[in-house]
Amino acid sequence: MIRINLLPIKEKKKRKKMVMQVIAISAVLLIAIISTLGASQYYSDRLDARVEALQVLENDIKELRKIIGEVNELKEQRKRLDSQLNAIKSLEKAKSGPVRVLDALSNNIPKRVWLTEIKEKDGAMTFKGVGLNNNVISEFMRAIEKNKYFSAVRLDKVERKKIGGQEVYQFTVICNVNYSA
């Protein structure tokens, strides 16, 4: 005899398999969605942290630029003060230099030599004077040559003249002068 099975056992098995497959696919999709959301949240948090760190660094950079500007301003101020101090020092040297030069000159003028004129222009000094003879004039030149304030001493001219019945020698000596020596 032929048996006909009208019960949907195979269909039930197929349906059960389909339901299990749908459940498995749904579970996989749910896991994928949860994983994606978790990863998205994780990277979003990391991005926020990095953006916050970047803001902190940018603020630090702004503060450091401010400080650098102040330091540069202080350097400029220091340069101005140094140049002012150097100007003051050079003025002090210039103020006391001529006094020292004239003092050295007065200490080096031999007896029987009289200076009638002293001129200074651009570091060159000219002495005009009178001496009783050539020896005292050369003695005067040797004395100022040895002095630290005078250099390149040379005799420009010597003339023999009579002044008040006395024969004398008028001379001109030219040299370089250094006030800061």
N, C-alpha and C. Protein backbone atom coordinates (compact mmCIF):
# COMPACT_ATOMS: atom_id res chain seq x y z
N MET A 1 0.76 -1.13 0.00
CA MET A 1 0.00 0.00 0.00
C MET A 1 0.85 1.27 0.00
N ILE A 2 0.22 2.20 -0.53
CA ILE A 2 0.94 3.45 -0.69
C ILE A 2 0.59 4.34 0.50
N ARG A 3 1.55 4.87 0.93
CA ARG A 3 1.31 5.76 2.07
C ARG A 3 1.57 7.19 1.64
N ILE A 4 0.69 8.02 2.00
CA ILE A 4 0.81 9.43 1.70
C ILE A 4 0.90 10.14 3.02
N ASN A 5 1.92 10.86 3.10
CA ASN A 5 2.12 11.61 4.34
C ASN A 5 1.66 13.02 4.07
N LEU A 6 0.60 13.40 4.66
CA LEU A 6 0.05 14.74 4.47
C LEU A 6 0.57 15.72 5.53
N LEU A 7 1.26 15.22 6.42
CA LEU A 7 1.82 16.10 7.45
C LEU A 7 3.03 16.84 6.87
N PRO A 8 3.06 18.10 7.10
CA PRO A 8 4.16 18.89 6.53
C PRO A 8 5.43 18.83 7.37
N ILE A 9 5.98 17.70 7.52
CA ILE A 9 7.17 17.53 8.35
C ILE A 9 8.39 18.13 7.65
N LYS A 10 8.53 17.88 6.38
CA LYS A 10 9.67 18.43 5.66
C LYS A 10 9.57 19.95 5.62
N GLU A 11 8.36 20.43 5.41
CA GLU A 11 8.16 21.87 5.39
C GLU A 11 8.47 22.48 6.74
N LYS A 12 8.05 21.77 7.78
CA LYS A 12 8.35 22.27 9.13
C LYS A 12 9.85 22.31 9.35
N LYS A 13 10.55 21.29 8.86
CA LYS A 13 11.99 21.26 9.01
C LYS A 13 12.61 22.42 8.20
N LYS A 14 12.08 22.63 6.98
CA LYS A 14 12.57 23.70 6.14
C LYS A 14 12.31 25.04 6.80
N ARG A 15 11.08 25.18 7.31
CA ARG A 15 10.71 26.42 7.98
C ARG A 15 11.60 26.65 9.21
N LYS A 16 11.80 25.59 9.94
CA LYS A 16 12.62 25.69 11.14
C LYS A 16 14.05 26.10 10.76
N LYS A 17 14.56 25.54 9.64
CA LYS A 17 15.88 25.89 9.17
C LYS A 17 15.91 27.35 8.75
N MET A 18 14.85 27.79 8.06
CA MET A 18 14.78 29.18 7.62
C MET A 18 14.73 30.13 8.81
N VAL A 19 13.93 29.78 9.79
CA VAL A 19 13.83 30.61 10.98
C VAL A 19 15.19 30.67 11.66
N MET A 20 15.85 29.54 11.74
CA MET A 20 17.17 29.51 12.37
C MET A 20 18.17 30.35 11.56
N GLN A 21 18.08 30.28 10.24
CA GLN A 21 18.95 31.08 9.39
C GLN A 21 18.67 32.57 9.56
N VAL A 22 17.36 32.92 9.61
CA VAL A 22 17.00 34.32 9.81
C VAL A 22 17.49 34.79 11.17
N ILE A 23 17.31 33.94 12.19
CA ILE A 23 17.79 34.30 13.53
C ILE A 23 19.32 34.45 13.52
N ALA A 24 20.01 33.56 12.85
CA ALA A 24 21.47 33.61 12.79
C ALA A 24 21.91 34.88 12.04
N ILE A 25 21.25 35.15 10.90
CA ILE A 25 21.60 36.34 10.12
C ILE A 25 21.31 37.60 10.93
N SER A 26 20.15 37.59 11.63
CA SER A 26 19.80 38.73 12.46
C SER A 26 20.82 38.92 13.58
N ALA A 27 21.23 37.81 14.17
CA ALA A 27 22.22 37.88 15.25
C ALA A 27 23.55 38.43 14.71
N VAL A 28 23.96 37.95 13.52
CA VAL A 28 25.19 38.42 12.92
C VAL A 28 25.07 39.92 12.59
N LEU A 29 23.93 40.32 12.02
CA LEU A 29 23.71 41.72 11.72
C LEU A 29 23.70 42.57 12.99
N LEU A 30 23.04 42.05 14.03
CA LEU A 30 23.00 42.76 15.31
C LEU A 30 24.40 42.92 15.89
N ILE A 31 25.18 41.85 15.83
CA ILE A 31 26.56 41.91 16.32
C ILE A 31 27.38 42.91 15.48
N ALA A 32 27.18 42.88 14.14
CA ALA A 32 27.89 43.80 13.27
C ALA A 32 27.52 45.24 13.57
N ILE A 33 26.19 45.48 13.79
CA ILE A 33 25.75 46.84 14.09
C ILE A 33 26.30 47.30 15.44
N ILE A 34 26.25 46.44 16.42
CA ILE A 34 26.78 46.79 17.76
C ILE A 34 28.29 47.02 17.67
N SER A 35 29.00 46.18 16.94
CA SER A 35 30.45 46.35 16.78
C SER A 35 30.76 47.67 16.08
N THR A 36 29.99 47.96 15.03
CA THR A 36 30.21 49.20 14.29
C THR A 36 29.94 50.41 15.17
N LEU A 37 28.84 50.36 15.92
CA LEU A 37 28.53 51.47 16.82
C LEU A 37 29.59 51.61 17.91
N GLY A 38 30.07 50.50 18.43
CA GLY A 38 31.12 50.54 19.46
C GLY A 38 32.41 51.12 18.90
N ALA A 39 32.80 50.65 17.70
CA ALA A 39 34.02 51.17 17.07
C ALA A 39 33.86 52.64 16.75
N SER A 40 32.67 53.02 16.25
CA SER A 40 32.42 54.42 15.94
C SER A 40 32.53 55.28 17.19
N GLN A 41 31.95 54.81 18.29
CA GLN A 41 32.02 55.56 19.54
C GLN A 41 33.46 55.65 20.04
N TYR A 42 34.19 54.54 19.94
CA TYR A 42 35.59 54.50 20.38
C TYR A 42 36.42 55.52 19.59
N TYR A 43 36.31 55.49 18.25
CA TYR A 43 37.09 56.42 17.43
C TYR A 43 36.60 57.85 17.57
N SER A 44 35.33 58.03 17.80
CA SER A 44 34.80 59.37 18.04
C SER A 44 35.37 59.94 19.34
N ASP A 45 35.45 59.10 20.37
CA ASP A 45 36.05 59.54 21.64
C ASP A 45 37.53 59.87 21.45
N ARG A 46 38.24 59.03 20.69
CA ARG A 46 39.66 59.29 20.43
C ARG A 46 39.83 60.60 19.65
N LEU A 47 38.95 60.81 18.66
CA LEU A 47 39.01 62.04 17.87
C LEU A 47 38.74 63.26 18.74
N ASP A 48 37.75 63.16 19.61
CA ASP A 48 37.45 64.27 20.53
C ASP A 48 38.64 64.56 21.44
N ALA A 49 39.27 63.49 21.92
CA ALA A 49 40.44 63.67 22.80
C ALA A 49 41.57 64.35 22.03
N ARG A 50 41.78 63.96 20.80
CA ARG A 50 42.85 64.56 20.00
C ARG A 50 42.53 66.00 19.65
N VAL A 51 41.26 66.28 19.35
CA VAL A 51 40.86 67.65 19.06
C VAL A 51 41.08 68.52 20.30
N GLU A 52 40.73 67.98 21.46
CA GLU A 52 40.93 68.71 22.71
C GLU A 52 42.43 68.94 22.97
N ALA A 53 43.24 67.91 22.71
CA ALA A 53 44.69 68.05 22.88
C ALA A 53 45.24 69.08 21.89
N LEU A 54 44.71 69.08 20.67
CA LEU A 54 45.13 70.05 19.68
C LEU A 54 44.78 71.47 20.12
N GLN A 55 43.60 71.65 20.70
CA GLN A 55 43.21 72.97 21.21
C GLN A 55 44.16 73.44 22.31
N VAL A 56 44.50 72.50 23.20
CA VAL A 56 45.44 72.83 24.28
C VAL A 56 46.79 73.25 23.69
N LEU A 57 47.26 72.49 22.69
CA LEU A 57 48.54 72.83 22.06
C LEU A 57 48.48 74.18 21.34
N GLU A 58 47.37 74.45 20.66
CA GLU A 58 47.23 75.74 19.98
C GLU A 58 47.21 76.89 20.98
N ASN A 59 46.56 76.68 22.12
CA ASN A 59 46.57 77.71 23.17
C ASN A 59 47.98 77.91 23.71
N ASP A 60 48.70 76.80 23.88
CA ASP A 60 50.09 76.90 24.35
C ASP A 60 50.94 77.66 23.33
N ILE A 61 50.71 77.38 22.04
CA ILE A 61 51.46 78.07 20.99
C ILE A 61 51.17 79.56 21.04
N LYS A 62 49.90 79.93 21.21
CA LYS A 62 49.55 81.35 21.30
C LYS A 62 50.27 82.01 22.48
N GLU A 63 50.27 81.34 23.62
CA GLU A 63 50.95 81.89 24.81
C GLU A 63 52.45 82.01 24.57
N LEU A 64 53.02 80.98 23.92
CA LEU A 64 54.46 81.03 23.65
C LEU A 64 54.81 82.13 22.65
N ARG A 65 53.94 82.36 21.67
CA ARG A 65 54.18 83.45 20.73
C ARG A 65 54.14 84.79 21.44
N LYS A 66 53.22 84.91 22.40
CA LYS A 66 53.16 86.12 23.21
C LYS A 66 54.47 86.31 23.96
N ILE A 67 54.94 85.23 24.58
CA ILE A 67 56.18 85.29 25.36
C ILE A 67 57.35 85.61 24.45
N ILE A 68 57.38 85.00 23.25
CA ILE A 68 58.46 85.27 22.30
C ILE A 68 58.44 86.74 21.90
N GLY A 69 57.25 87.28 21.69
CA GLY A 69 57.14 88.70 21.36
C GLY A 69 57.69 89.57 22.48
N GLU A 70 57.37 89.21 23.73
CA GLU A 70 57.89 89.97 24.87
C GLU A 70 59.40 89.85 24.96
N VAL A 71 59.92 88.63 24.71
CA VAL A 71 61.36 88.43 24.76
C VAL A 71 62.05 89.26 23.67
N ASN A 72 61.48 89.25 22.46
CA ASN A 72 62.06 90.05 21.38
C ASN A 72 62.02 91.54 21.71
N GLU A 73 60.93 91.96 22.33
CA GLU A 73 60.82 93.36 22.74
C GLU A 73 61.89 93.70 23.78
N LEU A 74 62.11 92.77 24.73
CA LEU A 74 63.15 92.98 25.74
C LEU A 74 64.54 93.01 25.11
N LYS A 75 64.76 92.16 24.09
CA LYS A 75 66.05 92.16 23.40
C LYS A 75 66.28 93.50 22.71
N GLU A 76 65.24 94.01 22.06
CA GLU A 76 65.36 95.32 21.41
C GLU A 76 65.64 96.42 22.43
N GLN A 77 64.95 96.33 23.56
CA GLN A 77 65.16 97.32 24.62
C GLN A 77 66.59 97.22 25.13
N ARG A 78 67.09 95.98 25.27
CA ARG A 78 68.46 95.80 25.75
C ARG A 78 69.46 96.38 24.74
N LYS A 79 69.20 96.17 23.43
CA LYS A 79 70.08 96.74 22.41
C LYS A 79 70.11 98.26 22.51
N ARG A 80 68.91 98.84 22.69
CA ARG A 80 68.86 100.31 22.81
C ARG A 80 69.63 100.78 24.04
N LEU A 81 69.45 100.07 25.16
CA LEU A 81 70.15 100.45 26.38
C LEU A 81 71.66 100.27 26.22
N ASP A 82 72.09 99.17 25.56
CA ASP A 82 73.52 98.97 25.33
C ASP A 82 74.10 100.08 24.46
N SER A 83 73.36 100.46 23.42
CA SER A 83 73.87 101.54 22.56
C SER A 83 73.92 102.86 23.33
N GLN A 84 72.95 103.09 24.21
CA GLN A 84 72.98 104.30 25.03
C GLN A 84 74.16 104.28 25.99
N LEU A 85 74.40 103.10 26.60
CA LEU A 85 75.56 102.98 27.50
C LEU A 85 76.87 103.20 26.74
N ASN A 86 76.97 102.63 25.54
CA ASN A 86 78.18 102.83 24.74
C ASN A 86 78.35 104.30 24.38
N ALA A 87 77.24 104.97 24.07
CA ALA A 87 77.32 106.40 23.77
C ALA A 87 77.78 107.18 24.98
N ILE A 88 77.27 106.82 26.15
CA ILE A 88 77.67 107.50 27.39
C ILE A 88 79.15 107.27 27.66
N LYS A 89 79.61 106.02 27.46
CA LYS A 89 81.03 105.71 27.68
C LYS A 89 81.92 106.49 26.72
N SER A 90 81.50 106.55 25.46
CA SER A 90 82.32 107.29 24.50
C SER A 90 82.32 108.78 24.80
N LEU A 91 81.18 109.30 25.28
CA LEU A 91 81.14 110.71 25.67
C LEU A 91 82.03 110.97 26.88
N GLU A 92 82.03 110.03 27.82
CA GLU A 92 82.91 110.20 28.99
C GLU A 92 84.37 110.17 28.56
N LYS A 93 84.71 109.27 27.62
CA LYS A 93 86.09 109.22 27.13
C LYS A 93 86.43 110.51 26.39
N ALA A 94 85.47 110.96 25.57
CA ALA A 94 85.71 112.18 24.81
C ALA A 94 85.83 113.39 25.73
N LYS A 95 85.11 113.33 26.84
CA LYS A 95 85.17 114.44 27.79
C LYS A 95 86.51 114.47 28.52
N SER A 96 86.98 113.32 28.93
CA SER A 96 88.23 113.29 29.70
C SER A 96 89.45 113.14 28.81
N GLY A 97 89.27 112.70 27.56
CA GLY A 97 90.40 112.49 26.65
C GLY A 97 91.20 113.74 26.39
N PRO A 98 90.57 114.85 26.00
CA PRO A 98 91.36 116.06 25.73
C PRO A 98 92.11 116.57 26.96
N VAL A 99 91.52 116.41 28.13
CA VAL A 99 92.19 116.85 29.36
C VAL A 99 93.46 116.03 29.56
N ARG A 100 93.36 114.72 29.35
CA ARG A 100 94.53 113.86 29.53
C ARG A 100 95.61 114.19 28.48
N VAL A 101 95.15 114.42 27.25
CA VAL A 101 96.10 114.74 26.18
C VAL A 101 96.85 116.03 26.49
N LEU A 102 96.12 117.07 26.91
CA LEU A 102 96.78 118.34 27.23
C LEU A 102 97.69 118.21 28.44
N ASP A 103 97.30 117.38 29.41
CA ASP A 103 98.15 117.13 30.57
C ASP A 103 99.44 116.43 30.13
N ALA A 104 99.31 115.42 29.28
CA ALA A 104 100.50 114.71 28.79
C ALA A 104 101.38 115.66 27.98
N LEU A 105 100.74 116.52 27.20
CA LEU A 105 101.50 117.47 26.40
C LEU A 105 102.26 118.45 27.30
N SER A 106 101.59 118.97 28.32
CA SER A 106 102.26 119.95 29.20
C SER A 106 103.43 119.31 29.96
N ASN A 107 103.30 118.02 30.26
CA ASN A 107 104.40 117.33 30.95
C ASN A 107 105.57 117.02 30.02
N ASN A 108 105.36 117.07 28.69
CA ASN A 108 106.40 116.71 27.75
C ASN A 108 107.02 117.91 27.02
N ILE A 109 106.62 119.10 27.37
CA ILE A 109 107.22 120.27 26.72
C ILE A 109 108.52 120.59 27.45
N PRO A 110 109.62 120.54 26.73
CA PRO A 110 110.91 120.85 27.38
C PRO A 110 111.04 122.35 27.65
N LYS A 111 111.96 122.68 28.53
CA LYS A 111 112.25 124.09 28.79
C LYS A 111 112.81 124.68 27.50
N ARG A 112 112.60 125.93 27.29
CA ARG A 112 113.06 126.67 26.13
C ARG A 112 112.27 126.35 24.86
N VAL A 113 111.03 125.73 25.05
CA VAL A 113 110.08 125.56 23.95
C VAL A 113 108.77 126.13 24.43
N TRP A 114 108.18 126.99 23.57
CA TRP A 114 106.88 127.58 23.92
C TRP A 114 105.91 127.31 22.77
N LEU A 115 104.74 126.79 23.12
CA LEU A 115 103.72 126.55 22.09
C LEU A 115 102.87 127.80 21.96
N THR A 116 102.67 128.23 20.73
CA THR A 116 101.88 129.44 20.48
C THR A 116 100.48 129.11 19.96
N GLU A 117 100.34 127.88 19.40
CA GLU A 117 99.03 127.51 18.84
C GLU A 117 98.91 125.98 18.81
N ILE A 118 97.71 125.50 19.19
CA ILE A 118 97.41 124.06 19.11
C ILE A 118 96.07 123.94 18.40
N LYS A 119 96.05 123.14 17.33
CA LYS A 119 94.81 122.91 16.59
C LYS A 119 94.60 121.40 16.46
N GLU A 120 93.33 121.01 16.52
CA GLU A 120 92.99 119.59 16.33
C GLU A 120 91.81 119.52 15.38
N LYS A 121 91.94 118.67 14.37
CA LYS A 121 90.84 118.47 13.43
C LYS A 121 90.87 117.03 12.93
N ASP A 122 89.77 116.31 13.15
CA ASP A 122 89.62 114.93 12.66
C ASP A 122 90.78 114.03 13.08
N GLY A 123 91.22 114.16 14.31
CA GLY A 123 92.26 113.29 14.83
C GLY A 123 93.67 113.70 14.49
N ALA A 124 93.83 114.81 13.79
CA ALA A 124 95.17 115.32 13.47
C ALA A 124 95.39 116.58 14.28
N MET A 125 96.53 116.63 14.96
CA MET A 125 96.83 117.78 15.81
C MET A 125 98.05 118.51 15.25
N THR A 126 97.96 119.83 15.27
CA THR A 126 99.05 120.68 14.78
C THR A 126 99.53 121.57 15.92
N PHE A 127 100.83 121.53 16.15
CA PHE A 127 101.45 122.38 17.18
C PHE A 127 102.30 123.42 16.47
N LYS A 128 102.10 124.68 16.85
CA LYS A 128 102.98 125.74 16.37
C LYS A 128 103.63 126.33 17.60
N GLY A 129 104.91 126.61 17.49
CA GLY A 129 105.60 127.14 18.65
C GLY A 129 106.95 127.73 18.29
N VAL A 130 107.66 128.05 19.37
CA VAL A 130 108.96 128.69 19.24
C VAL A 130 109.93 127.94 20.14
N GLY A 131 111.13 127.70 19.63
CA GLY A 131 112.18 127.07 20.41
C GLY A 131 113.47 127.84 20.26
N LEU A 132 114.32 127.75 21.27
CA LEU A 132 115.57 128.50 21.21
C LEU A 132 116.54 127.91 20.20
N ASN A 133 116.47 126.58 19.99
CA ASN A 133 117.36 125.98 18.98
C ASN A 133 116.71 124.70 18.45
N ASN A 134 117.36 124.11 17.46
CA ASN A 134 116.82 122.89 16.84
C ASN A 134 116.80 121.71 17.80
N ASN A 135 117.76 121.67 18.72
CA ASN A 135 117.84 120.54 19.66
C ASN A 135 116.61 120.47 20.56
N VAL A 136 116.15 121.59 21.06
CA VAL A 136 114.97 121.55 21.95
C VAL A 136 113.71 121.20 21.15
N ILE A 137 113.67 121.58 19.90
CA ILE A 137 112.51 121.21 19.07
C ILE A 137 112.50 119.71 18.84
N SER A 138 113.68 119.13 18.54
CA SER A 138 113.74 117.67 18.34
C SER A 138 113.49 116.95 19.66
N GLU A 139 113.92 117.53 20.76
CA GLU A 139 113.64 116.93 22.07
C GLU A 139 112.12 116.92 22.32
N PHE A 140 111.43 118.00 21.95
CA PHE A 140 109.98 118.08 22.07
C PHE A 140 109.30 116.99 21.22
N MET A 141 109.78 116.82 20.00
CA MET A 141 109.18 115.81 19.11
C MET A 141 109.39 114.40 19.64
N ARG A 142 110.59 114.11 20.15
CA ARG A 142 110.85 112.77 20.72
C ARG A 142 109.97 112.52 21.94
N ALA A 143 109.76 113.55 22.73
CA ALA A 143 108.94 113.41 23.95
C ALA A 143 107.48 113.09 23.60
N ILE A 144 106.93 113.77 22.60
CA ILE A 144 105.54 113.47 22.28
C ILE A 144 105.41 112.17 21.48
N GLU A 145 106.47 111.76 20.77
CA GLU A 145 106.44 110.46 20.08
C GLU A 145 106.33 109.32 21.08
N LYS A 146 106.97 109.46 22.22
CA LYS A 146 106.95 108.41 23.25
C LYS A 146 105.61 108.36 23.99
N ASN A 147 104.83 109.39 23.87
CA ASN A 147 103.55 109.46 24.59
C ASN A 147 102.50 108.60 23.89
N LYS A 148 101.66 107.94 24.66
CA LYS A 148 100.66 107.03 24.10
C LYS A 148 99.53 107.74 23.35
N TYR A 149 99.34 109.01 23.57
CA TYR A 149 98.26 109.75 22.92
C TYR A 149 98.63 110.24 21.52
N PHE A 150 99.89 110.30 21.21
CA PHE A 150 100.34 110.85 19.94
C PHE A 150 101.02 109.79 19.09
N SER A 151 100.81 109.89 17.78
CA SER A 151 101.47 108.96 16.85
C SER A 151 101.74 109.70 15.54
N ALA A 152 102.58 109.11 14.73
CA ALA A 152 102.94 109.66 13.42
C ALA A 152 103.38 111.13 13.53
N VAL A 153 104.30 111.38 14.44
CA VAL A 153 104.79 112.74 14.67
C VAL A 153 105.77 113.11 13.56
N ARG A 154 105.54 114.28 12.94
CA ARG A 154 106.46 114.74 11.89
C ARG A 154 106.58 116.26 11.96
N LEU A 155 107.73 116.72 11.59
CA LEU A 155 108.03 118.15 11.56
C LEU A 155 107.57 118.71 10.22
N ASP A 156 106.71 119.72 10.26
CA ASP A 156 106.18 120.29 9.02
C ASP A 156 107.12 121.39 8.50
N LYS A 157 107.48 122.31 9.39
CA LYS A 157 108.40 123.37 8.94
C LYS A 157 109.11 124.00 10.14
N VAL A 158 110.26 124.56 9.87
CA VAL A 158 111.05 125.29 10.87
C VAL A 158 111.57 126.55 10.17
N GLU A 159 111.41 127.70 10.84
CA GLU A 159 111.91 128.97 10.31
C GLU A 159 112.73 129.67 11.39
N ARG A 160 113.77 130.28 10.96
CA ARG A 160 114.62 131.03 11.87
C ARG A 160 114.13 132.47 11.85
N LYS A 161 113.89 133.05 13.06
CA LYS A 161 113.41 134.43 13.16
C LYS A 161 114.08 135.11 14.33
N LYS A 162 113.99 136.43 14.29
CA LYS A 162 114.48 137.22 15.43
C LYS A 162 113.26 137.83 16.09
N ILE A 163 113.14 137.56 17.37
CA ILE A 163 112.04 138.13 18.14
C ILE A 163 112.67 138.85 19.33
N GLY A 164 112.47 140.17 19.42
CA GLY A 164 113.01 140.97 20.53
C GLY A 164 114.53 140.89 20.62
N GLY A 165 115.20 140.80 19.50
CA GLY A 165 116.66 140.76 19.51
C GLY A 165 117.20 139.37 19.76
N GLN A 166 116.36 138.43 19.99
CA GLN A 166 116.79 137.03 20.25
C GLN A 166 116.49 136.19 19.01
N GLU A 167 117.45 135.39 18.60
CA GLU A 167 117.23 134.51 17.47
C GLU A 167 116.55 133.24 17.97
N VAL A 168 115.39 132.93 17.34
CA VAL A 168 114.61 131.74 17.73
C VAL A 168 114.19 130.99 16.47
N TYR A 169 113.65 129.80 16.70
CA TYR A 169 113.19 128.96 15.59
C TYR A 169 111.68 128.74 15.75
N GLN A 170 110.90 129.17 14.76
CA GLN A 170 109.47 128.89 14.76
C GLN A 170 109.27 127.56 14.06
N PHE A 171 108.41 126.70 14.66
CA PHE A 171 108.22 125.37 14.09
C PHE A 171 106.74 125.01 14.04
N THR A 172 106.46 124.03 13.20
CA THR A 172 105.13 123.44 13.12
C THR A 172 105.32 121.91 13.13
N VAL A 173 104.66 121.28 14.08
CA VAL A 173 104.72 119.82 14.20
C VAL A 173 103.30 119.28 14.01
N ILE A 174 103.16 118.25 13.21
CA ILE A 174 101.86 117.63 12.97
C ILE A 174 101.93 116.17 13.43
N CYS A 175 100.85 115.73 14.08
CA CYS A 175 100.79 114.33 14.52
C CYS A 175 99.33 113.90 14.63
N ASN A 176 99.14 112.60 14.82
CA ASN A 176 97.80 112.06 15.07
C ASN A 176 97.59 111.98 16.57
N VAL A 177 96.35 112.19 17.00
CA VAL A 177 96.04 112.14 18.42
C VAL A 177 94.95 111.10 18.65
N ASN A 178 95.11 110.35 19.74
CA ASN A 178 94.14 109.32 20.12
C ASN A 178 93.69 109.60 21.56
N TYR A 179 92.49 110.12 21.70
CA TYR A 179 92.01 110.51 23.03
C TYR A 179 91.68 109.32 23.92
N SER A 180 91.43 108.19 23.34
CA SER A 180 91.01 107.04 24.17
C SER A 180 92.17 106.14 24.55
N ALA A 181 93.39 106.52 24.24
CA ALA A 181 94.55 105.68 24.56
C ALA A 181 94.77 105.58 26.05
